[in-house]
C-alpha atoms as a PDB file:
ATOM      1  CA  MET A   1       0.023   0.025  -0.039  1.00  0.00           C
ATOM      2  CA  ILE A   2       3.338   2.205   0.368  1.00  0.00           C
ATOM      3  CA  GLY A   3       3.442   2.154  -3.501  1.00  0.00           C
ATOM      4  CA  GLU A   4       0.001   3.024  -4.178  1.00  0.00           C
ATOM      5  CA  SER A   5      -0.558   5.752  -1.274  1.00  0.00           C
ATOM      6  CA  LEU A   6       2.584   7.632  -2.707  1.00  0.00           C
ATOM      7  CA  ALA A   7       0.998   7.353  -6.221  1.00  0.00           C
ATOM      8  CA  LEU A   8      -2.296   9.077  -5.096  1.00  0.00           C
ATOM      9  CA  VAL A   9      -0.367  11.926  -3.373  1.00  0.00           C
ATOM     10  CA  ALA A  10       1.669  12.391  -6.441  1.00  0.00           C
ATOM     11  CA  ALA A  11      -1.803  12.336  -8.606  1.00  0.00           C
ATOM     12  CA  PHE A  12      -2.880  15.529  -6.032  1.00  0.00           C
ATOM     13  CA  SER A  13       0.584  17.144  -6.538  1.00  0.00           C
ATOM     14  CA  PHE A  14      -0.214  16.916 -10.143  1.00  0.00           C
ATOM     15  CA  GLY A  15      -3.330  18.110 -10.091  1.00  0.00           C
ATOM     16  CA  CYS A  16      -2.433  21.343  -8.376  1.00  0.00           C
ATOM     17  CA  ALA A  17       0.312  21.878 -10.724  1.00  0.00           C
ATOM     18  CA  ASN A  18      -2.011  21.554 -13.780  1.00  0.00           C
ATOM     19  CA  VAL A  19      -4.328  24.163 -12.470  1.00  0.00           C
ATOM     20  CA  MET A  20      -1.470  26.590 -11.090  1.00  0.00           C
ATOM     21  CA  VAL A  21       0.044  26.491 -14.545  1.00  0.00           C
ATOM     22  CA  LYS A  22      -3.401  27.813 -16.269  1.00  0.00           C
ATOM     23  CA  LYS A  23      -3.464  30.439 -13.907  1.00  0.00           C
ATOM     24  CA  GLY A  24       0.008  31.587 -14.230  1.00  0.00           C
ATOM     25  CA  VAL A  25      -0.094  31.374 -18.238  1.00  0.00           C
ATOM     26  CA  SER A  26      -2.054  32.575 -21.231  1.00  0.00           C
ATOM     27  CA  PRO A  27      -2.180  31.053 -24.855  1.00  0.00           C
ATOM     28  CA  ASN A  28       0.402  33.746 -25.641  1.00  0.00           C
ATOM     29  CA  SER A  29       2.471  33.678 -22.831  1.00  0.00           C
ATOM     30  CA  LYS A  30       6.480  33.635 -23.454  1.00  0.00           C
ATOM     31  CA  ASN A  31       6.922  31.275 -20.588  1.00  0.00           C
ATOM     32  CA  ASN A  32       4.959  28.623 -19.413  1.00  0.00           C
ATOM     33  CA  GLY A  33       6.889  27.720 -16.396  1.00  0.00           C
ATOM     34  CA  ALA A  34       8.695  24.310 -17.726  1.00  0.00           C
ATOM     35  CA  PHE A  35      11.953  25.470 -17.147  1.00  0.00           C
ATOM     36  CA  LEU A  36      11.241  26.785 -13.679  1.00  0.00           C
ATOM     37  CA  SER A  37       9.746  23.749 -12.735  1.00  0.00           C
ATOM     38  CA  VAL A  38      12.711  21.666 -13.683  1.00  0.00           C
ATOM     39  CA  LEU A  39      15.092  23.981 -11.772  1.00  0.00           C
ATOM     40  CA  ILE A  40      12.801  23.490  -8.610  1.00  0.00           C
ATOM     41  CA  THR A  41      12.994  19.841  -9.126  1.00  0.00           C
ATOM     42  CA  PHE A  42      16.691  19.826  -9.228  1.00  0.00           C
ATOM     43  CA  GLY A  43      17.263  21.727  -6.130  1.00  0.00           C
ATOM     44  CA  LEU A  44      14.607  19.866  -4.348  1.00  0.00           C
ATOM     45  CA  ALA A  45      15.743  16.424  -5.184  1.00  0.00           C
ATOM     46  CA  GLY A  46      19.540  17.778  -4.735  1.00  0.00           C
ATOM     47  CA  ILE A  47      19.046  19.029  -1.361  1.00  0.00           C
ATOM     48  CA  ILE A  48      17.328  15.807  -0.200  1.00  0.00           C
ATOM     49  CA  THR A  49      19.984  13.387  -1.828  1.00  0.00           C
ATOM     50  CA  LEU A  50      22.791  15.339  -0.228  1.00  0.00           C
ATOM     51  CA  ALA A  51      20.843  15.242   3.216  1.00  0.00           C
ATOM     52  CA  LYS A  52      20.179  11.382   2.741  1.00  0.00           C
ATOM     53  CA  GLY A  53      23.687  10.626   1.980  1.00  0.00           C
ATOM     54  CA  LEU A  54      25.375  12.632   4.598  1.00  0.00           C
ATOM     55  CA  PHE A  55      23.191  11.524   7.383  1.00  0.00           C
ATOM     56  CA  GLN A  56      22.644   7.832   5.912  1.00  0.00           C
ATOM     57  CA  ASP A  57      24.585   5.560   3.554  1.00  0.00           C
ATOM     58  CA  TRP A  58      25.377   6.840   0.088  1.00  0.00           C
ATOM     59  CA  PRO A  59      23.643   4.170  -2.607  1.00  0.00           C
ATOM     60  CA  PRO A  60      25.845   2.183  -4.873  1.00  0.00           C
ATOM     61  CA  TYR A  61      26.265   4.076  -8.112  1.00  0.00           C
ATOM     62  CA  THR A  62      26.582   2.537 -11.511  1.00  0.00           C
ATOM     63  CA  THR A  63      27.107   3.463 -15.153  1.00  0.00           C
ATOM     64  CA  LYS A  64      24.406   1.675 -16.089  1.00  0.00           C
ATOM     65  CA  GLY A  65      21.853   3.280 -13.732  1.00  0.00           C
ATOM     66  CA  ILE A  66      23.014   6.576 -14.273  1.00  0.00           C
ATOM     67  CA  GLY A  67      22.404   5.903 -18.195  1.00  0.00           C
ATOM     68  CA  TRP A  68      18.881   4.848 -17.271  1.00  0.00           C
ATOM     69  CA  PHE A  69      18.535   8.034 -15.416  1.00  0.00           C
ATOM     70  CA  VAL A  70      19.551  10.272 -18.158  1.00  0.00           C
ATOM     71  CA  LEU A  71      17.464   8.814 -20.577  1.00  0.00           C
ATOM     72  CA  ALA A  72      14.711   8.831 -18.317  1.00  0.00           C
ATOM     73  CA  GLY A  73      15.301  12.749 -17.931  1.00  0.00           C
ATOM     74  CA  PHE A  74      15.158  13.343 -21.634  1.00  0.00           C
ATOM     75  CA  LEU A  75      11.882  11.959 -21.884  1.00  0.00           C
ATOM     76  CA  THR A  76       9.978  12.882 -18.776  1.00  0.00           C
ATOM     77  CA  ALA A  77      11.621  16.231 -17.194  1.00  0.00           C
ATOM     78  CA  TYR A  78      12.392  17.524 -20.756  1.00  0.00           C
ATOM     79  CA  ILE A  79       9.868  16.195 -23.425  1.00  0.00           C
ATOM     80  CA  GLY A  80       7.176  15.033 -21.170  1.00  0.00           C
ATOM     81  CA  ARG A  81       7.098  18.204 -18.600  1.00  0.00           C
ATOM     82  CA  SER A  82       7.648  20.918 -21.914  1.00  0.00           C
ATOM     83  CA  LEU A  83       4.937  19.224 -24.104  1.00  0.00           C
ATOM     84  CA  LEU A  84       2.524  18.872 -21.138  1.00  0.00           C
ATOM     85  CA  PHE A  85       2.949  22.517 -19.753  1.00  0.00           C
ATOM     86  CA  THR A  86       2.338  23.531 -23.704  1.00  0.00           C
ATOM     87  CA  SER A  87      -0.548  21.440 -23.664  1.00  0.00           C
ATOM     88  CA  ILE A  88      -1.783  22.973 -20.342  1.00  0.00           C
ATOM     89  CA  GLN A  89      -0.929  26.659 -22.000  1.00  0.00           C
ATOM     90  CA  HIS A  90      -3.347  26.028 -24.659  1.00  0.00           C
ATOM     91  CA  LEU A  91      -6.011  23.624 -23.995  1.00  0.00           C
ATOM     92  CA  GLY A  92      -6.586  24.158 -20.256  1.00  0.00           C
ATOM     93  CA  SER A  93      -5.539  22.598 -17.090  1.00  0.00           C
ATOM     94  CA  VAL A  94      -8.658  20.052 -17.495  1.00  0.00           C
ATOM     95  CA  ARG A  95      -8.292  19.008 -20.941  1.00  0.00           C
ATOM     96  CA  ALA A  96      -4.782  18.663 -20.791  1.00  0.00           C
ATOM     97  CA  SER A  97      -5.023  16.344 -17.692  1.00  0.00           C
ATOM     98  CA  THR A  98      -7.597  14.281 -19.278  1.00  0.00           C
ATOM     99  CA  LEU A  99      -5.694  13.974 -22.255  1.00  0.00           C
ATOM    100  CA  LYS A 100      -2.671  12.828 -20.484  1.00  0.00           C
ATOM    101  CA  ARG A 101      -4.595   9.632 -19.005  1.00  0.00           C
ATOM    102  CA  LEU A 102      -3.180   8.200 -22.349  1.00  0.00           C
ATOM    103  CA  ASN A 103      -0.252   7.515 -20.678  1.00  0.00           C
ATOM    104  CA  SER A 104      -1.958   4.937 -19.007  1.00  0.00           C
ATOM    105  CA  LEU A 105      -2.777   3.188 -22.113  1.00  0.00           C
ATOM    106  CA  PHE A 106       0.662   3.574 -23.681  1.00  0.00           C
ATOM    107  CA  THR A 107       2.394   2.324 -20.443  1.00  0.00           C
ATOM    108  CA  VAL A 108       0.580  -0.909 -20.387  1.00  0.00           C
ATOM    109  CA  LEU A 109       0.970  -1.310 -24.138  1.00  0.00           C
ATOM    110  CA  ILE A 110       4.671  -0.936 -23.367  1.00  0.00           C
ATOM    111  CA  GLY A 111       4.302  -3.237 -20.456  1.00  0.00           C
ATOM    112  CA  VAL A 112       2.612  -6.119 -22.946  1.00  0.00           C
ATOM    113  CA  LEU A 113       4.706  -6.029 -26.009  1.00  0.00           C
ATOM    114  CA  PHE A 114       7.986  -5.250 -24.424  1.00  0.00           C
ATOM    115  CA  LEU A 115       7.980  -6.466 -20.817  1.00  0.00           C
ATOM    116  CA  HIS A 116       5.879  -9.542 -21.487  1.00  0.00           C
ATOM    117  CA  GLU A 117       3.234  -8.398 -18.862  1.00  0.00           C
ATOM    118  CA  SER A 118      -0.355 -10.061 -19.447  1.00  0.00           C
ATOM    119  CA  MET A 119      -3.287  -8.536 -20.521  1.00  0.00           C
ATOM    120  CA  ASN A 120      -6.866  -9.776 -19.948  1.00  0.00           C
ATOM    121  CA  LEU A 121     -10.242  -8.448 -20.731  1.00  0.00           C
ATOM    122  CA  MET A 122     -10.548  -5.849 -18.036  1.00  0.00           C
ATOM    123  CA  VAL A 123      -7.245  -4.468 -19.102  1.00  0.00           C
ATOM    124  CA  PHE A 124      -8.336  -4.440 -22.492  1.00  0.00           C
ATOM    125  CA  ILE A 125     -11.847  -2.752 -21.594  1.00  0.00           C
ATOM    126  CA  GLY A 126      -9.718  -0.117 -19.938  1.00  0.00           C
ATOM    127  CA  MET A 127      -7.542   0.943 -22.854  1.00  0.00           C
ATOM    128  CA  ILE A 128     -10.619   1.102 -24.839  1.00  0.00           C
ATOM    129  CA  MET A 129     -12.438   3.387 -22.459  1.00  0.00           C
ATOM    130  CA  ILE A 130      -9.280   5.610 -22.050  1.00  0.00           C
ATOM    131  CA  PHE A 131      -8.667   5.792 -25.933  1.00  0.00           C
ATOM    132  CA  ALA A 132     -12.234   6.846 -26.417  1.00  0.00           C
ATOM    133  CA  SER A 133     -12.000   9.521 -23.479  1.00  0.00           C
ATOM    134  CA  SER A 134      -9.109  10.969 -25.878  1.00  0.00           C
ATOM    135  CA  SER A 135     -11.543  10.917 -28.790  1.00  0.00           C
ATOM    136  CA  PHE A 136     -14.453  12.515 -26.765  1.00  0.00           C
ATOM    137  CA  LEU A 137     -12.155  15.904 -26.833  1.00  0.00           C
ATOM    138  CA  MET A 138     -10.535  15.278 -30.549  1.00  0.00           C
ATOM    139  CA  TYR A 139     -14.481  14.823 -31.726  1.00  0.00           C
ATOM    140  CA  GLU A 140     -15.168  18.150 -29.717  1.00  0.00           C
ATOM    141  CA  THR A 141     -12.139  19.826 -31.520  1.00  0.00           C
ATOM    142  CA  ILE A 142     -13.379  18.756 -35.202  1.00  0.00           C
ATOM    143  CA  ILE A 143     -16.707  19.940 -34.611  1.00  0.00           C
ATOM    144  CA  SER A 144     -15.515  23.399 -33.337  1.00  0.00           C
ATOM    145  CA  ASN A 145     -13.217  23.295 -36.452  1.00  0.00           C
ATOM    146  CA  ARG A 146     -16.164  23.031 -38.805  1.00  0.00           C
ATOM    147  CA  ARG A 147     -18.299  25.546 -37.120  1.00  0.00           C
ATOM    148  CA  LEU A 148     -14.825  28.073 -37.706  1.00  0.00           C
ATOM    149  CA  GLN A 149     -14.571  27.096 -41.300  1.00  0.00           C
ATOM    150  CA  LYS A 150     -18.220  27.724 -41.847  1.00  0.00           C
ATOM    151  CA  HIS A 151     -17.622  31.131 -40.344  1.00  0.00           C
ATOM    152  CA  GLU A 152     -14.637  31.585 -42.668  1.00  0.00           C
ATOM    153  CA  THR A 153     -16.382  30.490 -45.848  1.00  0.00           C
ATOM    154  CA  ALA A 154     -19.522  32.968 -44.851  1.00  0.00           C
ATOM    155  CA  VAL A 155     -17.095  35.891 -44.411  1.00  0.00           C
ATOM    156  CA  ALA A 156     -15.128  34.971 -47.650  1.00  0.00           C
ATOM    157  CA  ASN A 157     -18.381  34.830 -49.539  1.00  0.00           C
ATOM    158  CA  GLU A 158     -18.899  38.541 -48.936  1.00  0.00           C
ATOM    159  CA  THR A 159     -15.406  39.354 -50.110  1.00  0.00           C
ATOM    160  CA  THR A 160     -14.676  39.751 -53.848  1.00  0.00           C
ATOM    161  CA  VAL A 161     -11.784  36.996 -53.980  1.00  0.00           C
ATOM    162  CA  ILE A 162     -11.869  35.303 -57.682  1.00  0.00           C
ATOM    163  CA  LYS A 163     -13.826  31.780 -57.166  1.00  0.00           C
ATOM    164  CA  SER A 164     -11.492  29.703 -59.140  1.00  0.00           C
ATOM    165  CA  GLU A 165      -8.314  31.442 -57.063  1.00  0.00           C
ATOM    166  CA  LYS A 166     -10.181  30.911 -53.567  1.00  0.00           C
ATOM    167  CA  GLU A 167     -11.071  27.298 -54.168  1.00  0.00           C
ATOM    168  CA  LYS A 168      -7.175  26.416 -55.441  1.00  0.00           C
ATOM    169  CA  VAL A 169      -5.880  28.160 -52.171  1.00  0.00           C
ATOM    170  CA  SER A 170      -8.512  26.476 -49.979  1.00  0.00           C
ATOM    171  CA  LYS A 171      -7.601  23.274 -51.187  1.00  0.00           C
ATOM    172  CA  ARG A 172      -3.809  23.955 -51.042  1.00  0.00           C
ATOM    173  CA  ASN A 173      -3.994  24.901 -47.577  1.00  0.00           C
ATOM    174  CA  SER A 174      -7.009  22.318 -46.281  1.00  0.00           C
ATOM    175  CA  TRP A 175      -4.903  19.908 -44.423  1.00  0.00           C
ATOM    176  CA  ILE A 176      -2.445  22.193 -43.433  1.00  0.00           C
ATOM    177  CA  LYS A 177      -5.044  24.533 -41.395  1.00  0.00           C
ATOM    178  CA  ARG A 178      -6.588  21.196 -39.939  1.00  0.00           C
ATOM    179  CA  PHE A 179      -3.044  20.443 -38.746  1.00  0.00           C
ATOM    180  CA  LYS A 180      -2.344  23.771 -37.187  1.00  0.00           C
ATOM    181  CA  PHE A 181      -5.395  24.221 -35.570  1.00  0.00           C
ATOM    182  CA  ILE A 182      -5.302  20.937 -33.651  1.00  0.00           C
ATOM    183  CA  THR A 183      -1.754  21.768 -32.902  1.00  0.00           C
ATOM    184  CA  SER A 184      -2.219  25.270 -31.862  1.00  0.00           C
ATOM    185  CA  LEU A 185      -5.111  24.064 -29.401  1.00  0.00           C
ATOM    186  CA  GLY A 186      -2.550  21.527 -27.809  1.00  0.00           C
ATOM    187  CA  TYR A 187      -3.749  18.083 -28.613  1.00  0.00           C
ATOM    188  CA  MET A 188      -0.743  17.094 -30.398  1.00  0.00           C
ATOM    189  CA  TYR A 189       1.297  18.282 -27.625  1.00  0.00           C
ATOM    190  CA  GLY A 190      -0.663  16.223 -25.106  1.00  0.00           C
ATOM    191  CA  VAL A 191      -0.314  13.063 -27.095  1.00  0.00           C
ATOM    192  CA  GLY A 192       3.266  13.361 -27.527  1.00  0.00           C
ATOM    193  CA  SER A 193       3.457  14.202 -23.747  1.00  0.00           C
ATOM    194  CA  ALA A 194       1.728  11.192 -22.448  1.00  0.00           C
ATOM    195  CA  LEU A 195       3.916   8.878 -24.880  1.00  0.00           C
ATOM    196  CA  ALA A 196       7.068  10.530 -23.381  1.00  0.00           C
ATOM    197  CA  TYR A 197       6.261   9.916 -19.750  1.00  0.00           C
ATOM    198  CA  SER A 198       5.026   6.466 -20.402  1.00  0.00           C
ATOM    199  CA  ILE A 199       8.362   5.298 -21.804  1.00  0.00           C
ATOM    200  CA  GLY A 200      10.206   7.499 -19.190  1.00  0.00           C
ATOM    201  CA  TYR A 201       8.171   5.552 -16.607  1.00  0.00           C
ATOM    202  CA  VAL A 202       9.427   2.162 -17.881  1.00  0.00           C
ATOM    203  CA  VAL A 203      12.990   3.715 -18.137  1.00  0.00           C
ATOM    204  CA  ARG A 204      13.123   4.966 -14.622  1.00  0.00           C
ATOM    205  CA  LYS A 205      12.137   1.544 -13.471  1.00  0.00           C
ATOM    206  CA  GLU A 206      14.929   0.291 -14.839  1.00  0.00           C
ATOM    207  CA  GLY A 207      17.183   2.862 -13.410  1.00  0.00           C
ATOM    208  CA  LEU A 208      15.986   1.866  -9.774  1.00  0.00           C
ATOM    209  CA  SER A 209      16.747  -1.578  -9.985  1.00  0.00           C
ATOM    210  CA  GLU A 210      20.053  -0.375 -10.613  1.00  0.00           C
ATOM    211  CA  ILE A 211      20.318   2.518  -7.880  1.00  0.00           C
ATOM    212  CA  PRO A 212      17.731   2.178  -5.444  1.00  0.00           C
ATOM    213  CA  ASP A 213      17.403   5.909  -4.822  1.00  0.00           C
ATOM    214  CA  PRO A 214      14.368   7.898  -6.195  1.00  0.00           C
ATOM    215  CA  PHE A 215      15.939  11.329  -5.108  1.00  0.00           C
ATOM    216  CA  PHE A 216      19.091  11.079  -6.955  1.00  0.00           C
ATOM    217  CA  GLY A 217      17.385   9.707 -10.086  1.00  0.00           C
ATOM    218  CA  THR A 218      14.968  12.687  -9.800  1.00  0.00           C
ATOM    219  CA  MET A 219      18.153  15.221  -9.636  1.00  0.00           C
ATOM    220  CA  ILE A 220      19.633  13.486 -12.651  1.00  0.00           C
ATOM    221  CA  GLY A 221      16.601  13.763 -14.590  1.00  0.00           C
ATOM    222  CA  ALA A 222      16.225  17.155 -13.680  1.00  0.00           C
ATOM    223  CA  LEU A 223      19.756  18.043 -14.622  1.00  0.00           C
ATOM    224  CA  VAL A 224      19.637  16.755 -17.992  1.00  0.00           C
ATOM    225  CA  GLY A 225      16.478  18.758 -18.720  1.00  0.00           C
ATOM    226  CA  ILE A 226      18.211  21.854 -17.425  1.00  0.00           C
ATOM    227  CA  LEU A 227      21.267  21.121 -19.729  1.00  0.00           C
ATOM    228  CA  ILE A 228      18.650  20.292 -22.823  1.00  0.00           C
ATOM    229  CA  PHE A 229      16.883  23.503 -22.167  1.00  0.00           C
ATOM    230  CA  LEU A 230      19.923  25.615 -22.147  1.00  0.00           C
ATOM    231  CA  ILE A 231      21.637  23.854 -25.356  1.00  0.00           C
ATOM    232  CA  ILE A 232      18.379  24.678 -27.242  1.00  0.00           C
ATOM    233  CA  SER A 233      18.090  28.201 -26.031  1.00  0.00           C
ATOM    234  CA  LEU A 234      21.105  28.690 -28.126  1.00  0.00           C
ATOM    235  CA  LEU A 235      19.283  27.846 -31.160  1.00  0.00           C
ATOM    236  CA  LYS A 236      15.508  28.998 -30.439  1.00  0.00           C
ATOM    237  CA  LYS A 237      14.579  32.535 -29.363  1.00  0.00           C
ATOM    238  CA  SER A 238      11.506  31.702 -27.688  1.00  0.00           C
ATOM    239  CA  PHE A 239      13.655  29.036 -25.221  1.00  0.00           C
ATOM    240  CA  GLN A 240      15.935  32.136 -24.457  1.00  0.00           C
ATOM    241  CA  GLN A 241      13.055  34.432 -23.395  1.00  0.00           C
ATOM    242  CA  SER A 242      11.537  31.680 -21.306  1.00  0.00           C
ATOM    243  CA  ILE A 243      14.646  31.425 -19.495  1.00  0.00           C
ATOM    244  CA  VAL A 244      15.414  35.101 -19.026  1.00  0.00           C
ATOM    245  CA  SER A 245      11.612  35.615 -17.917  1.00  0.00           C
ATOM    246  CA  THR A 246      12.262  32.629 -15.230  1.00  0.00           C
ATOM    247  CA  PHE A 247      15.091  34.731 -13.741  1.00  0.00           C
ATOM    248  CA  THR A 248      13.941  38.435 -14.336  1.00  0.00           C
ATOM    249  CA  HIS A 249       9.977  38.297 -13.641  1.00  0.00           C
ATOM    250  CA  PHE A 250       8.638  36.371 -10.480  1.00  0.00           C
ATOM    251  CA  GLN A 251       5.340  34.480 -11.285  1.00  0.00           C
ATOM    252  CA  PRO A 252       4.163  33.105  -8.017  1.00  0.00           C
ATOM    253  CA  TRP A 253       1.649  30.797  -9.768  1.00  0.00           C
ATOM    254  CA  LEU A 254       4.300  29.159 -11.773  1.00  0.00           C
ATOM    255  CA  PHE A 255       6.626  28.993  -8.924  1.00  0.00           C
ATOM    256  CA  ALA A 256       4.148  27.198  -6.753  1.00  0.00           C
ATOM    257  CA  ALA A 257       3.164  24.943  -9.999  1.00  0.00           C
ATOM    258  CA  GLY A 258       6.720  23.952 -10.186  1.00  0.00           C
ATOM    259  CA  ILE A 259       6.837  23.117  -6.566  1.00  0.00           C
ATOM    260  CA  ALA A 260       3.727  20.852  -6.976  1.00  0.00           C
ATOM    261  CA  THR A 261       5.148  19.195 -10.030  1.00  0.00           C
ATOM    262  CA  SER A 262       8.868  18.507  -8.273  1.00  0.00           C
ATOM    263  CA  LEU A 263       7.059  17.039  -5.104  1.00  0.00           C
ATOM    264  CA  GLY A 264       4.738  14.906  -7.738  1.00  0.00           C
ATOM    265  CA  GLN A 265       7.735  13.692  -9.666  1.00  0.00           C
ATOM    266  CA  ILE A 266       9.692  12.742  -6.312  1.00  0.00           C
ATOM    267  CA  LEU A 267       6.766  10.752  -4.863  1.00  0.00           C
ATOM    268  CA  TYR A 268       6.165   9.346  -8.385  1.00  0.00           C
ATOM    269  CA  PHE A 269       9.670   7.991  -8.517  1.00  0.00           C
ATOM    270  CA  SER A 270       9.358   6.721  -4.906  1.00  0.00           C
ATOM    271  CA  ALA A 271       6.392   5.014  -5.544  1.00  0.00           C
ATOM    272  CA  LEU A 272       8.079   2.977  -8.334  1.00  0.00           C
ATOM    273  CA  MET A 273      10.346   1.637  -5.668  1.00  0.00           C
ATOM    274  CA  PHE A 274       7.140  -0.063  -4.214  1.00  0.00           C
ATOM    275  CA  SER A 275       4.796  -0.789  -6.780  1.00  0.00           C
ATOM    276  CA  ASP A 276       4.626  -1.891 -10.646  1.00  0.00           C
ATOM    277  CA  VAL A 277       5.046   0.770 -13.333  1.00  0.00           C
ATOM    278  CA  SER A 278       1.675   0.242 -14.759  1.00  0.00           C
ATOM    279  CA  ARG A 279      -0.033   0.544 -11.544  1.00  0.00           C
ATOM    280  CA  VAL A 280       1.575   3.890 -10.351  1.00  0.00           C
ATOM    281  CA  ALA A 281       1.160   5.228 -13.888  1.00  0.00           C
ATOM    282  CA  ILE A 282      -2.876   4.126 -13.191  1.00  0.00           C
ATOM    283  CA  ILE A 283      -3.195   5.496  -9.879  1.00  0.00           C
ATOM    284  CA  THR A 284      -1.909   9.102 -10.812  1.00  0.00           C
ATOM    285  CA  SER A 285      -4.179   9.124 -13.560  1.00  0.00           C
ATOM    286  CA  THR A 286      -6.636  10.516 -10.954  1.00  0.00           C
ATOM    287  CA  ASP A 287      -4.900  13.869 -11.154  1.00  0.00           C
ATOM    288  CA  VAL A 288      -7.594  14.551 -13.689  1.00  0.00           C
ATOM    289  CA  ILE A 289     -10.241  14.317 -10.743  1.00  0.00           C
ATOM    290  CA  PHE A 290      -8.145  16.548  -8.516  1.00  0.00           C
ATOM    291  CA  THR A 291      -7.735  19.032 -11.594  1.00  0.00           C
ATOM    292  CA  LEU A 292     -11.538  18.849 -12.411  1.00  0.00           C
ATOM    293  CA  ILE A 293     -12.488  19.667  -8.530  1.00  0.00           C
ATOM    294  CA  LEU A 294      -9.532  22.281  -7.971  1.00  0.00           C
ATOM    295  CA  SER A 295     -10.368  24.170 -11.409  1.00  0.00           C
ATOM    296  CA  ALA A 296     -13.721  24.086 -10.636  1.00  0.00           C
ATOM    297  CA  PHE A 297     -14.359  24.857  -6.813  1.00  0.00           C
ATOM    298  CA  ILE A 298     -10.974  26.053  -5.719  1.00  0.00           C
ATOM    299  CA  PHE A 299      -8.910  28.077  -8.176  1.00  0.00           C
ATOM    300  CA  LYS A 300     -11.970  28.872 -10.446  1.00  0.00           C
ATOM    301  CA  THR A 301      -9.992  29.039 -13.366  1.00  0.00           C
ATOM    302  CA  HIS A 302     -12.931  29.526 -15.761  1.00  0.00           C
ATOM    303  CA  GLU A 303     -11.856  27.383 -18.123  1.00  0.00           C
ATOM    304  CA  GLY A 304     -15.134  27.007 -20.262  1.00  0.00           C
ATOM    305  CA  THR A 305     -15.523  23.264 -19.481  1.00  0.00           C
ATOM    306  CA  THR A 306     -18.250  21.527 -21.344  1.00  0.00           C
ATOM    307  CA  LYS A 307     -20.302  18.382 -20.831  1.00  0.00           C
ATOM    308  CA  THR A 308     -17.871  16.661 -23.374  1.00  0.00           C
ATOM    309  CA  VAL A 309     -15.107  17.273 -21.082  1.00  0.00           C
ATOM    310  CA  TYR A 310     -16.547  15.841 -17.986  1.00  0.00           C
ATOM    311  CA  LEU A 311     -17.832  12.923 -19.926  1.00  0.00           C
ATOM    312  CA  ALA A 312     -14.073  12.058 -21.264  1.00  0.00           C
ATOM    313  CA  ALA A 313     -12.757  12.775 -17.742  1.00  0.00           C
ATOM    314  CA  ILE A 314     -15.157  10.300 -16.293  1.00  0.00           C
ATOM    315  CA  VAL A 315     -14.796   7.832 -19.298  1.00  0.00           C
ATOM    316  CA  ALA A 316     -10.964   8.009 -18.547  1.00  0.00           C
ATOM    317  CA  MET A 317     -11.014   7.431 -14.960  1.00  0.00           C
ATOM    318  CA  PHE A 318     -13.422   4.251 -15.288  1.00  0.00           C
ATOM    319  CA  GLY A 319     -11.169   3.152 -17.679  1.00  0.00           C
ATOM    320  CA  ALA A 320      -8.117   3.418 -15.496  1.00  0.00           C
ATOM    321  CA  GLY A 321     -10.321   1.588 -12.900  1.00  0.00           C
ATOM    322  CA  PHE A 322     -10.802  -1.368 -15.160  1.00  0.00           C
ATOM    323  CA  ILE A 323      -7.148  -1.532 -15.531  1.00  0.00           C
ATOM    324  CA  VAL A 324      -6.470  -1.462 -12.031  1.00  0.00           C
ATOM    325  CA  ILE A 325      -8.866  -4.321 -11.586  1.00  0.00           C
ATOM    326  CA  GLY A 326      -7.482  -6.197 -14.240  1.00  0.00           C
END
């Protein structure tokens, strides 16, 4: 029960972080708090690692274990967290956390395909339900897209644009517009984040089997994330602006989100010491419920949550429950 309890508290921390990020950013914000959260994670995990080593025994460090932690850091501290924060920035905390439930689906698939874990009917039903919940959100986006296209067509018909030229441009840009529309809303970011986290969870478990120290593993992963941010900032101006903003403008909501995310990561890492990676991933998927409650009743982020979003969240949670039972 220790692993399951730690995973549940981690889910609450992630739920708090999701809503705090939404409170602290807008779709046009230059800094979404991802770099700050990685810095805080490195600081907290580093302090605990140092204190634990000084007052207790240092764990046996191996090159193989550090290698696993480095890979896990690349997948979770950089790719997973960056895409998640971007998804929250564009989608809102509730939609983003609901879409993140795909990591439960991906984690089970990875376990079945590569770790030779078994799959029964209950697990299969749970996977279908989680996939369906994400499909509900995508369907909502498609409907909104069609309404937007109808509006644009009505406006275009009122102009003096030549019909043949208009059709040519429309056909050429049709798929590009659809892709950009979905991407701009953060759905592609959410799916990518879920996949990166799922692979990272499995890699983390391998690292812990070599070096049984969740705090050290969290610290190494965060350090990798920081280094990657700094390297990419040399090439991308947006990353430079995000890093500069982190040190020049104090944003309390993003700082609080960084602390909550860091605690969630440390607790998640600790949970893997006591429980299977699939079970931990599924239990932490309850963060969508915490996000819904905190968003609606505590932080009141006014995200315009629709019935479709609530339905998707409920279906995702039932799906996770089926997988746990299975």
